[in-house]
Structures are given as structure tokens and as C-alpha cells.
Amino acid sequence: MKKKRKKKIQADKIIAISAMLVSLLTLILFVYQISLQHNESRLSVAPRISFSQEYGTRIENIISSQDTISNKFIIYNIFLENKGLGPAILKSVDFLYQDKKIEIESFIQKNQKFRNLLKIDEITSFSDGAILSKNEKVKLFELSVKKIDEHQFYNLANIKKLEELIEISVVYESLYEEVYKKSSK
């Protein structure tokens, strides 16, 4: 009889240990599933900043008492766009020259090559914490170049040269406070 009792006790222990292992495995899978859901919800609101540019032309008429003068300008715009799934919280938008922060207006004025050719018509400044919504597009700045037919390609080359010299750096966060950095280079 003692042998039967030992077998019964061992069977009870095996069932109890199996139940504990199944419970522990269920708990581990539950924690893993919660982790996956957290990652999925974090990714479902991740912002993605990109830069885009547009070229165009503009005609300005200057009317004087005797004559009307038409000036043609090549317009160059750089945009900041959030192509992500959630809002981007902007921490900083900086213009850099040789890895040093600059003010783009003073850079153009100090640089003789650009001073007489390029003019900043519009520039947008952002405060810390500004929000760029999903699919929102904001003009960072607009440059204009007086268009003279024989110098048109020269003027476009100067815009390209400026684009190569200056880097735009954007630091932004997601709603989950994950920090990202996007550079124009």
C-alpha cells in the first residue's frame, strides 16, 4: 500500500508543478503581449520630418509716375514637413555653417557671393515645443533671385551653392518623448 500512496503523491506533485508552470508561462506571455502593444502604440504616433524644396517665378511691377518696370524673380522655398503618423514636437530648428549655428540672414549679408544676388523674403522661426501636426507642411524660408535671362543658370547655381554650404538641423520629439534629429545633408 505504501507504494500506491507514493505514486499518488508524486502524481499530485506533478499536476501541481505543471499547473504552476502553465500559470508562469501565461504570465510571461501576458507581459510580452503588453510590451508588444506598448511598442505598437508608440510606433503608431511616430513623427517623421523631411525637407522639400520648390522653385518658381514671381513678377513684381514697380509703377512710377512715368513708367512701369517689371522685375522677374526666381523663387526658392524650403519646407519642413511631417510625413509621420503622429505630431512632431519641435525642440530646435537650426541653420549650420561648418557645424556652427548661424543666422541665415546675416550669413547671406556677410557673404559677398550671395549678398547682391539672394534676398530672403520670408523666414519662419519656431519656439521650443512648437508642434508640427501629421502631414503638416511649413515654409522654413523663401529666397528670391532677380532673374536676368542670360544669368538665370548662374543664379540657380548660387542657390545650389548656398544649399550645399548651409545645413538645416531639426531636433524633435514624439508624444512618447523619443528624440529624433533630421539634417538636410
N, C-alpha and C. Protein backbone atom coordinates (compact mmCIF):
# COMPACT_ATOMS: atom_id res chain seq x y z
N MET A 1 0.79 -1.20 0.00
CA MET A 1 0.00 0.00 0.00
C MET A 1 0.83 1.26 0.00
N LYS A 2 1.95 1.17 0.60
CA LYS A 2 2.79 2.35 0.64
C LYS A 2 3.25 2.75 -0.75
N LYS A 3 3.48 1.80 -1.59
CA LYS A 3 3.91 2.12 -2.95
C LYS A 3 2.83 2.87 -3.69
N LYS A 4 1.58 2.51 -3.56
CA LYS A 4 0.49 3.19 -4.23
C LYS A 4 0.38 4.62 -3.74
N ARG A 5 0.55 4.83 -2.46
CA ARG A 5 0.46 6.17 -1.90
C ARG A 5 1.56 7.07 -2.46
N LYS A 6 2.75 6.58 -2.58
CA LYS A 6 3.86 7.37 -3.13
C LYS A 6 3.57 7.75 -4.58
N LYS A 7 3.00 6.83 -5.32
CA LYS A 7 2.66 7.15 -6.70
C LYS A 7 1.58 8.21 -6.74
N LYS A 8 0.61 8.17 -5.85
CA LYS A 8 -0.45 9.17 -5.82
C LYS A 8 0.11 10.53 -5.44
N ILE A 9 1.01 10.55 -4.49
CA ILE A 9 1.62 11.81 -4.07
C ILE A 9 2.46 12.37 -5.21
N GLN A 10 3.20 11.56 -5.86
CA GLN A 10 4.00 12.02 -6.98
C GLN A 10 3.12 12.54 -8.11
N ALA A 11 2.03 11.90 -8.37
CA ALA A 11 1.11 12.37 -9.42
C ALA A 11 0.52 13.72 -9.03
N ASP A 12 0.17 13.91 -7.77
CA ASP A 12 -0.35 15.20 -7.30
C ASP A 12 0.70 16.30 -7.46
N LYS A 13 1.94 15.96 -7.12
CA LYS A 13 3.02 16.95 -7.24
C LYS A 13 3.25 17.32 -8.71
N ILE A 14 3.20 16.35 -9.57
CA ILE A 14 3.40 16.60 -11.00
C ILE A 14 2.30 17.50 -11.53
N ILE A 15 1.07 17.24 -11.14
CA ILE A 15 -0.06 18.08 -11.59
C ILE A 15 0.09 19.50 -11.04
N ALA A 16 0.48 19.65 -9.78
CA ALA A 16 0.64 20.98 -9.17
C ALA A 16 1.78 21.76 -9.85
N ILE A 17 2.89 21.07 -10.07
CA ILE A 17 4.03 21.73 -10.72
C ILE A 17 3.67 22.12 -12.16
N SER A 18 2.96 21.26 -12.85
CA SER A 18 2.52 21.57 -14.22
C SER A 18 1.60 22.79 -14.23
N ALA A 19 0.68 22.84 -13.28
CA ALA A 19 -0.24 23.99 -13.20
C ALA A 19 0.53 25.28 -12.92
N MET A 20 1.54 25.20 -12.05
CA MET A 20 2.36 26.38 -11.75
C MET A 20 3.15 26.82 -12.98
N LEU A 21 3.71 25.86 -13.71
CA LEU A 21 4.47 26.20 -14.92
C LEU A 21 3.57 26.82 -15.99
N VAL A 22 2.37 26.28 -16.16
CA VAL A 22 1.43 26.85 -17.13
C VAL A 22 1.06 28.27 -16.71
N SER A 23 0.82 28.49 -15.42
CA SER A 23 0.49 29.83 -14.93
C SER A 23 1.65 30.80 -15.15
N LEU A 24 2.86 30.34 -14.86
CA LEU A 24 4.04 31.19 -15.05
C LEU A 24 4.24 31.51 -16.52
N LEU A 25 4.09 30.53 -17.38
CA LEU A 25 4.21 30.75 -18.82
C LEU A 25 3.14 31.73 -19.31
N THR A 26 1.93 31.61 -18.82
CA THR A 26 0.84 32.53 -19.17
C THR A 26 1.19 33.95 -18.74
N LEU A 27 1.74 34.10 -17.54
CA LEU A 27 2.14 35.42 -17.06
C LEU A 27 3.23 36.02 -17.94
N ILE A 28 4.21 35.23 -18.33
CA ILE A 28 5.30 35.71 -19.20
C ILE A 28 4.74 36.15 -20.55
N LEU A 29 3.86 35.35 -21.12
CA LEU A 29 3.25 35.71 -22.41
C LEU A 29 2.40 36.97 -22.29
N PHE A 30 1.71 37.14 -21.17
CA PHE A 30 0.89 38.34 -20.94
C PHE A 30 1.77 39.59 -20.89
N VAL A 31 2.88 39.51 -20.16
CA VAL A 31 3.81 40.65 -20.06
C VAL A 31 4.40 40.96 -21.43
N TYR A 32 4.76 39.94 -22.19
CA TYR A 32 5.30 40.13 -23.54
C TYR A 32 4.27 40.78 -24.46
N GLN A 33 3.02 40.36 -24.36
CA GLN A 33 1.95 40.95 -25.18
C GLN A 33 1.74 42.42 -24.83
N ILE A 34 1.80 42.76 -23.57
CA ILE A 34 1.67 44.16 -23.15
C ILE A 34 2.83 44.98 -23.72
N SER A 35 4.04 44.41 -23.69
CA SER A 35 5.21 45.10 -24.26
C SER A 35 5.03 45.33 -25.75
N LEU A 36 4.53 44.34 -26.47
CA LEU A 36 4.28 44.50 -27.91
C LEU A 36 3.23 45.57 -28.18
N GLN A 37 2.17 45.60 -27.38
CA GLN A 37 1.13 46.61 -27.55
C GLN A 37 1.68 48.01 -27.29
N HIS A 38 2.55 48.13 -26.28
CA HIS A 38 3.15 49.43 -25.99
C HIS A 38 4.02 49.89 -27.16
N ASN A 39 4.83 48.99 -27.70
CA ASN A 39 5.66 49.34 -28.86
C ASN A 39 4.81 49.71 -30.06
N GLU A 40 3.74 48.98 -30.28
CA GLU A 40 2.85 49.27 -31.41
C GLU A 40 2.20 50.64 -31.26
N SER A 41 1.74 50.96 -30.04
CA SER A 41 1.11 52.27 -29.85
C SER A 41 2.13 53.39 -29.97
N ARG A 42 3.37 53.14 -29.55
CA ARG A 42 4.43 54.14 -29.69
C ARG A 42 4.74 54.39 -31.16
N LEU A 43 4.82 53.31 -31.94
CA LEU A 43 5.11 53.46 -33.36
C LEU A 43 3.94 54.04 -34.14
N SER A 44 2.74 53.88 -33.64
CA SER A 44 1.57 54.39 -34.37
C SER A 44 1.45 55.91 -34.30
N VAL A 45 2.25 56.55 -33.45
CA VAL A 45 2.24 58.02 -33.38
C VAL A 45 3.64 58.60 -33.63
N ALA A 46 4.51 57.83 -34.27
CA ALA A 46 5.87 58.30 -34.53
C ALA A 46 5.88 59.35 -35.64
N PRO A 47 6.50 60.51 -35.39
CA PRO A 47 6.63 61.53 -36.44
C PRO A 47 7.80 61.20 -37.36
N ARG A 48 7.80 61.79 -38.54
CA ARG A 48 8.92 61.65 -39.47
C ARG A 48 9.06 62.96 -40.24
N ILE A 49 10.08 63.71 -39.91
CA ILE A 49 10.32 65.01 -40.52
C ILE A 49 11.11 64.84 -41.81
N SER A 50 10.74 65.63 -42.81
CA SER A 50 11.51 65.64 -44.06
C SER A 50 11.56 67.07 -44.60
N PHE A 51 12.49 67.29 -45.50
CA PHE A 51 12.65 68.59 -46.15
C PHE A 51 12.20 68.47 -47.59
N SER A 52 11.60 69.53 -48.10
CA SER A 52 11.27 69.57 -49.52
C SER A 52 11.56 70.98 -50.02
N GLN A 53 11.70 71.11 -51.32
CA GLN A 53 12.02 72.41 -51.91
C GLN A 53 11.18 72.63 -53.15
N GLU A 54 10.93 73.89 -53.41
CA GLU A 54 10.16 74.27 -54.60
C GLU A 54 10.82 75.47 -55.25
N TYR A 55 10.80 75.47 -56.57
CA TYR A 55 11.27 76.61 -57.35
C TYR A 55 10.07 77.20 -58.07
N GLY A 56 10.10 78.48 -58.28
CA GLY A 56 9.04 79.13 -59.04
C GLY A 56 9.52 80.49 -59.51
N THR A 57 8.62 81.24 -60.09
CA THR A 57 8.94 82.60 -60.53
C THR A 57 7.88 83.56 -60.02
N ARG A 58 8.28 84.80 -59.91
CA ARG A 58 7.36 85.86 -59.47
C ARG A 58 7.70 87.12 -60.26
N ILE A 59 6.67 87.85 -60.62
CA ILE A 59 6.87 89.13 -61.32
C ILE A 59 6.37 90.24 -60.41
N GLU A 60 7.22 91.24 -60.21
CA GLU A 60 6.84 92.42 -59.43
C GLU A 60 6.85 93.62 -60.36
N ASN A 61 5.78 94.35 -60.35
CA ASN A 61 5.68 95.56 -61.16
C ASN A 61 5.92 96.77 -60.27
N ILE A 62 6.87 97.59 -60.67
CA ILE A 62 7.15 98.83 -59.97
C ILE A 62 6.58 99.96 -60.82
N ILE A 63 5.61 100.64 -60.27
CA ILE A 63 4.93 101.70 -61.03
C ILE A 63 5.44 103.04 -60.54
N SER A 64 5.98 103.80 -61.49
CA SER A 64 6.40 105.17 -61.17
C SER A 64 5.49 106.13 -61.94
N SER A 65 5.71 107.39 -61.78
CA SER A 65 4.85 108.38 -62.46
C SER A 65 4.98 108.33 -63.97
N GLN A 66 6.13 107.88 -64.49
CA GLN A 66 6.31 107.86 -65.94
C GLN A 66 6.26 106.46 -66.54
N ASP A 67 6.60 105.43 -65.77
CA ASP A 67 6.80 104.13 -66.39
C ASP A 67 6.47 103.00 -65.40
N THR A 68 6.28 101.84 -65.97
CA THR A 68 6.10 100.63 -65.16
C THR A 68 7.26 99.69 -65.47
N ILE A 69 7.95 99.26 -64.43
CA ILE A 69 9.09 98.36 -64.60
C ILE A 69 8.69 97.00 -64.02
N SER A 70 8.90 95.97 -64.81
CA SER A 70 8.61 94.61 -64.35
C SER A 70 9.92 93.91 -64.01
N ASN A 71 9.99 93.40 -62.80
CA ASN A 71 11.14 92.61 -62.38
C ASN A 71 10.72 91.16 -62.23
N LYS A 72 11.50 90.27 -62.80
CA LYS A 72 11.23 88.84 -62.67
C LYS A 72 12.18 88.26 -61.63
N PHE A 73 11.63 87.39 -60.79
CA PHE A 73 12.42 86.77 -59.73
C PHE A 73 12.26 85.25 -59.78
N ILE A 74 13.35 84.56 -59.50
CA ILE A 74 13.29 83.12 -59.27
C ILE A 74 13.06 82.97 -57.77
N ILE A 75 12.08 82.17 -57.41
CA ILE A 75 11.75 81.96 -56.00
C ILE A 75 12.18 80.55 -55.60
N TYR A 76 12.82 80.46 -54.45
CA TYR A 76 13.27 79.17 -53.93
C TYR A 76 12.74 79.02 -52.51
N ASN A 77 11.97 77.97 -52.26
CA ASN A 77 11.39 77.71 -50.94
C ASN A 77 11.91 76.40 -50.39
N ILE A 78 12.16 76.39 -49.08
CA ILE A 78 12.46 75.14 -48.38
C ILE A 78 11.36 74.93 -47.35
N PHE A 79 10.80 73.72 -47.36
CA PHE A 79 9.70 73.38 -46.46
C PHE A 79 10.13 72.30 -45.48
N LEU A 80 9.52 72.34 -44.31
CA LEU A 80 9.66 71.30 -43.30
C LEU A 80 8.32 70.59 -43.25
N GLU A 81 8.34 69.27 -43.39
CA GLU A 81 7.08 68.52 -43.48
C GLU A 81 7.12 67.31 -42.56
N ASN A 82 6.00 67.07 -41.87
CA ASN A 82 5.87 65.89 -41.02
C ASN A 82 5.11 64.82 -41.79
N LYS A 83 5.82 63.82 -42.27
CA LYS A 83 5.20 62.73 -43.04
C LYS A 83 4.94 61.51 -42.16
N GLY A 84 5.07 61.67 -40.85
CA GLY A 84 4.88 60.56 -39.93
C GLY A 84 3.42 60.32 -39.60
N LEU A 85 3.22 59.48 -38.60
CA LEU A 85 1.87 59.10 -38.21
C LEU A 85 1.33 59.93 -37.05
N GLY A 86 2.21 60.67 -36.38
CA GLY A 86 1.78 61.48 -35.25
C GLY A 86 2.47 62.83 -35.27
N PRO A 87 2.15 63.70 -34.31
CA PRO A 87 2.73 65.04 -34.29
C PRO A 87 4.21 65.03 -33.90
N ALA A 88 4.94 66.01 -34.40
CA ALA A 88 6.35 66.21 -34.04
C ALA A 88 6.42 67.44 -33.15
N ILE A 89 7.02 67.28 -31.98
CA ILE A 89 7.21 68.40 -31.07
C ILE A 89 8.62 68.93 -31.32
N LEU A 90 8.70 70.12 -31.92
CA LEU A 90 9.99 70.68 -32.32
C LEU A 90 10.75 71.20 -31.11
N LYS A 91 11.99 70.78 -30.99
CA LYS A 91 12.86 71.26 -29.92
C LYS A 91 13.78 72.37 -30.44
N SER A 92 14.28 72.20 -31.67
CA SER A 92 15.12 73.25 -32.26
C SER A 92 15.15 73.09 -33.77
N VAL A 93 15.23 74.22 -34.45
CA VAL A 93 15.44 74.27 -35.90
C VAL A 93 16.60 75.23 -36.10
N ASP A 94 17.75 74.69 -36.51
CA ASP A 94 18.96 75.50 -36.61
C ASP A 94 19.54 75.45 -38.02
N PHE A 95 20.14 76.57 -38.41
CA PHE A 95 20.91 76.65 -39.64
C PHE A 95 22.37 76.58 -39.24
N LEU A 96 23.13 75.68 -39.89
CA LEU A 96 24.52 75.46 -39.53
C LEU A 96 25.43 75.71 -40.73
N TYR A 97 26.56 76.33 -40.43
CA TYR A 97 27.61 76.51 -41.42
C TYR A 97 28.90 76.02 -40.77
N GLN A 98 29.53 75.02 -41.36
CA GLN A 98 30.72 74.38 -40.81
C GLN A 98 30.48 73.96 -39.35
N ASP A 99 29.35 73.33 -39.11
CA ASP A 99 28.93 72.80 -37.81
C ASP A 99 28.74 73.86 -36.73
N LYS A 100 28.60 75.12 -37.12
CA LYS A 100 28.34 76.19 -36.16
C LYS A 100 26.98 76.80 -36.48
N LYS A 101 26.22 77.08 -35.43
CA LYS A 101 24.89 77.67 -35.59
C LYS A 101 25.03 79.10 -36.11
N ILE A 102 24.20 79.43 -37.12
CA ILE A 102 24.25 80.77 -37.72
C ILE A 102 22.84 81.32 -37.87
N GLU A 103 22.76 82.62 -38.09
CA GLU A 103 21.52 83.27 -38.52
C GLU A 103 21.63 83.39 -40.03
N ILE A 104 20.69 82.83 -40.75
CA ILE A 104 20.82 82.76 -42.21
C ILE A 104 20.82 84.14 -42.86
N GLU A 105 20.05 85.08 -42.29
CA GLU A 105 20.00 86.42 -42.89
C GLU A 105 21.37 87.09 -42.84
N SER A 106 22.02 87.02 -41.68
CA SER A 106 23.33 87.66 -41.55
C SER A 106 24.39 86.91 -42.36
N PHE A 107 24.24 85.59 -42.50
CA PHE A 107 25.18 84.81 -43.30
C PHE A 107 25.15 85.28 -44.75
N ILE A 108 23.96 85.47 -45.29
CA ILE A 108 23.83 85.92 -46.69
C ILE A 108 24.38 87.33 -46.84
N GLN A 109 24.11 88.21 -45.88
CA GLN A 109 24.60 89.59 -45.96
C GLN A 109 26.13 89.67 -45.85
N LYS A 110 26.72 88.80 -45.05
CA LYS A 110 28.18 88.82 -44.88
C LYS A 110 28.92 88.16 -46.03
N ASN A 111 28.27 87.25 -46.72
CA ASN A 111 28.91 86.52 -47.80
C ASN A 111 28.73 87.30 -49.11
N GLN A 112 29.82 87.84 -49.62
CA GLN A 112 29.78 88.71 -50.79
C GLN A 112 29.20 88.00 -52.01
N LYS A 113 29.42 86.71 -52.13
CA LYS A 113 28.92 85.97 -53.28
C LYS A 113 27.39 85.98 -53.33
N PHE A 114 26.75 85.97 -52.17
CA PHE A 114 25.29 85.88 -52.12
C PHE A 114 24.61 87.23 -51.87
N ARG A 115 25.32 88.16 -51.27
CA ARG A 115 24.72 89.42 -50.81
C ARG A 115 23.96 90.16 -51.90
N ASN A 116 24.53 90.28 -53.08
CA ASN A 116 23.90 91.06 -54.14
C ASN A 116 22.92 90.25 -54.99
N LEU A 117 22.93 88.93 -54.83
CA LEU A 117 22.09 88.08 -55.66
C LEU A 117 20.85 87.57 -54.94
N LEU A 118 21.01 87.14 -53.70
CA LEU A 118 19.93 86.49 -52.98
C LEU A 118 19.29 87.42 -51.96
N LYS A 119 18.00 87.27 -51.82
CA LYS A 119 17.27 88.05 -50.82
C LYS A 119 16.32 87.11 -50.10
N ILE A 120 16.32 87.18 -48.77
CA ILE A 120 15.37 86.37 -48.01
C ILE A 120 14.06 87.14 -47.93
N ASP A 121 13.01 86.55 -48.50
CA ASP A 121 11.69 87.18 -48.48
C ASP A 121 10.89 86.78 -47.26
N GLU A 122 11.13 85.57 -46.78
CA GLU A 122 10.32 85.06 -45.68
C GLU A 122 11.14 84.04 -44.91
N ILE A 123 11.05 84.06 -43.59
CA ILE A 123 11.69 83.05 -42.75
C ILE A 123 10.77 82.76 -41.57
N THR A 124 10.66 81.50 -41.23
CA THR A 124 9.80 81.09 -40.12
C THR A 124 10.68 80.68 -38.95
N SER A 125 10.35 81.20 -37.78
CA SER A 125 11.08 80.78 -36.59
C SER A 125 10.13 79.96 -35.71
N PHE A 126 10.69 79.00 -35.01
CA PHE A 126 9.91 78.10 -34.16
C PHE A 126 10.37 78.24 -32.73
N SER A 127 9.43 78.22 -31.81
CA SER A 127 9.80 78.21 -30.40
C SER A 127 9.91 76.76 -29.93
N ASP A 128 10.63 76.56 -28.85
CA ASP A 128 10.78 75.22 -28.28
C ASP A 128 9.40 74.69 -27.90
N GLY A 129 9.07 73.52 -28.39
CA GLY A 129 7.77 72.93 -28.09
C GLY A 129 6.71 73.16 -29.14
N ALA A 130 7.06 73.86 -30.22
CA ALA A 130 6.10 74.05 -31.31
C ALA A 130 5.74 72.68 -31.89
N ILE A 131 4.49 72.54 -32.29
CA ILE A 131 4.01 71.24 -32.77
C ILE A 131 3.77 71.28 -34.26
N LEU A 132 4.31 70.30 -34.95
CA LEU A 132 4.07 70.11 -36.38
C LEU A 132 3.18 68.87 -36.51
N SER A 133 1.93 69.09 -36.86
CA SER A 133 0.95 68.01 -36.93
C SER A 133 1.26 67.04 -38.05
N LYS A 134 0.60 65.90 -37.99
CA LYS A 134 0.72 64.89 -39.04
C LYS A 134 0.35 65.51 -40.38
N ASN A 135 1.19 65.31 -41.40
CA ASN A 135 1.01 65.82 -42.77
C ASN A 135 1.05 67.34 -42.88
N GLU A 136 1.50 68.04 -41.86
CA GLU A 136 1.62 69.50 -41.93
C GLU A 136 2.92 69.88 -42.63
N LYS A 137 2.84 70.92 -43.44
CA LYS A 137 3.99 71.41 -44.21
C LYS A 137 4.14 72.90 -43.91
N VAL A 138 5.34 73.30 -43.47
CA VAL A 138 5.60 74.69 -43.10
C VAL A 138 6.80 75.20 -43.89
N LYS A 139 6.68 76.41 -44.42
CA LYS A 139 7.79 77.01 -45.16
C LYS A 139 8.84 77.49 -44.17
N LEU A 140 10.07 76.98 -44.29
CA LEU A 140 11.16 77.43 -43.43
C LEU A 140 11.66 78.79 -43.88
N PHE A 141 11.93 78.90 -45.18
CA PHE A 141 12.31 80.21 -45.71
C PHE A 141 12.09 80.27 -47.20
N GLU A 142 12.06 81.52 -47.69
CA GLU A 142 11.90 81.77 -49.12
C GLU A 142 12.98 82.73 -49.55
N LEU A 143 13.71 82.35 -50.58
CA LEU A 143 14.74 83.20 -51.18
C LEU A 143 14.25 83.67 -52.54
N SER A 144 14.66 84.85 -52.92
CA SER A 144 14.37 85.29 -54.29
C SER A 144 15.67 85.76 -54.93
N VAL A 145 15.74 85.53 -56.23
CA VAL A 145 16.89 85.93 -57.03
C VAL A 145 16.35 86.67 -58.23
N LYS A 146 16.88 87.86 -58.48
CA LYS A 146 16.43 88.60 -59.65
C LYS A 146 16.80 87.81 -60.90
N LYS A 147 15.82 87.63 -61.75
CA LYS A 147 16.01 86.80 -62.95
C LYS A 147 16.40 87.67 -64.13
N ILE A 148 17.60 87.45 -64.60
CA ILE A 148 18.07 88.09 -65.83
C ILE A 148 18.38 86.93 -66.75
N ASP A 149 17.75 86.89 -67.90
CA ASP A 149 17.76 85.70 -68.75
C ASP A 149 19.14 85.08 -68.94
N GLU A 150 20.15 85.90 -69.26
CA GLU A 150 21.46 85.31 -69.54
C GLU A 150 22.15 84.81 -68.26
N HIS A 151 21.68 85.25 -67.09
CA HIS A 151 22.30 84.83 -65.83
C HIS A 151 21.42 83.86 -65.04
N GLN A 152 20.36 83.40 -65.66
CA GLN A 152 19.42 82.56 -64.93
C GLN A 152 20.10 81.31 -64.35
N PHE A 153 20.90 80.63 -65.16
CA PHE A 153 21.55 79.41 -64.67
C PHE A 153 22.61 79.74 -63.63
N TYR A 154 23.28 80.88 -63.77
CA TYR A 154 24.26 81.31 -62.78
C TYR A 154 23.57 81.54 -61.44
N ASN A 155 22.41 82.18 -61.46
CA ASN A 155 21.67 82.45 -60.23
C ASN A 155 21.18 81.16 -59.58
N LEU A 156 20.70 80.23 -60.39
CA LEU A 156 20.29 78.93 -59.85
C LEU A 156 21.48 78.19 -59.25
N ALA A 157 22.64 78.32 -59.87
CA ALA A 157 23.85 77.69 -59.34
C ALA A 157 24.21 78.27 -57.98
N ASN A 158 23.98 79.57 -57.79
CA ASN A 158 24.26 80.19 -56.50
C ASN A 158 23.31 79.68 -55.42
N ILE A 159 22.07 79.45 -55.79
CA ILE A 159 21.12 78.88 -54.83
C ILE A 159 21.59 77.48 -54.44
N LYS A 160 22.01 76.70 -55.42
CA LYS A 160 22.51 75.35 -55.14
C LYS A 160 23.76 75.41 -54.26
N LYS A 161 24.62 76.39 -54.50
CA LYS A 161 25.83 76.55 -53.70
C LYS A 161 25.47 76.86 -52.25
N LEU A 162 24.50 77.74 -52.06
CA LEU A 162 24.05 78.07 -50.71
C LEU A 162 23.47 76.83 -50.04
N GLU A 163 22.73 76.06 -50.79
CA GLU A 163 22.13 74.83 -50.28
C GLU A 163 23.20 73.84 -49.83
N GLU A 164 24.33 73.80 -50.55
CA GLU A 164 25.43 72.91 -50.18
C GLU A 164 26.18 73.41 -48.95
N LEU A 165 26.28 74.72 -48.79
CA LEU A 165 27.04 75.29 -47.67
C LEU A 165 26.30 75.21 -46.35
N ILE A 166 25.00 75.42 -46.39
CA ILE A 166 24.22 75.52 -45.16
C ILE A 166 23.48 74.22 -44.90
N GLU A 167 23.58 73.77 -43.67
CA GLU A 167 22.86 72.58 -43.23
C GLU A 167 21.71 73.02 -42.33
N ILE A 168 20.58 72.40 -42.50
CA ILE A 168 19.44 72.66 -41.62
C ILE A 168 19.32 71.46 -40.69
N SER A 169 19.29 71.72 -39.40
CA SER A 169 19.20 70.65 -38.40
C SER A 169 17.93 70.83 -37.58
N VAL A 170 17.13 69.78 -37.49
CA VAL A 170 15.89 69.82 -36.73
C VAL A 170 15.93 68.73 -35.67
N VAL A 171 15.72 69.12 -34.42
CA VAL A 171 15.60 68.17 -33.32
C VAL A 171 14.14 68.19 -32.89
N TYR A 172 13.53 67.00 -32.82
CA TYR A 172 12.12 66.92 -32.47
C TYR A 172 11.83 65.66 -31.65
N GLU A 173 10.66 65.65 -31.02
CA GLU A 173 10.25 64.53 -30.17
C GLU A 173 8.91 63.98 -30.63
N SER A 174 8.66 62.73 -30.24
CA SER A 174 7.34 62.14 -30.42
C SER A 174 6.53 62.40 -29.15
N LEU A 175 5.29 61.95 -29.14
CA LEU A 175 4.47 62.08 -27.94
C LEU A 175 5.03 61.26 -26.78
N TYR A 176 5.82 60.24 -27.10
CA TYR A 176 6.43 59.39 -26.08
C TYR A 176 7.82 59.90 -25.67
N GLU A 177 8.13 61.14 -26.03
CA GLU A 177 9.38 61.82 -25.68
C GLU A 177 10.63 61.13 -26.25
N GLU A 178 10.47 60.44 -27.37
CA GLU A 178 11.62 59.89 -28.08
C GLU A 178 12.20 61.01 -28.93
N VAL A 179 13.49 61.24 -28.83
CA VAL A 179 14.12 62.37 -29.51
C VAL A 179 14.71 61.89 -30.84
N TYR A 180 14.45 62.69 -31.89
CA TYR A 180 14.95 62.41 -33.23
C TYR A 180 15.70 63.64 -33.74
N LYS A 181 16.63 63.42 -34.66
CA LYS A 181 17.33 64.53 -35.30
C LYS A 181 17.31 64.30 -36.80
N LYS A 182 16.96 65.34 -37.54
CA LYS A 182 16.93 65.28 -39.01
C LYS A 182 17.81 66.39 -39.54
N SER A 183 18.66 66.04 -40.50
CA SER A 183 19.55 67.00 -41.12
C SER A 183 19.27 67.08 -42.61
N SER A 184 19.48 68.25 -43.18
CA SER A 184 19.25 68.43 -44.61
C SER A 184 20.37 67.83 -45.45
N LYS A 185 21.44 67.43 -44.84
CA LYS A 185 22.57 66.85 -45.58
C LYS A 185 22.62 65.36 -45.42
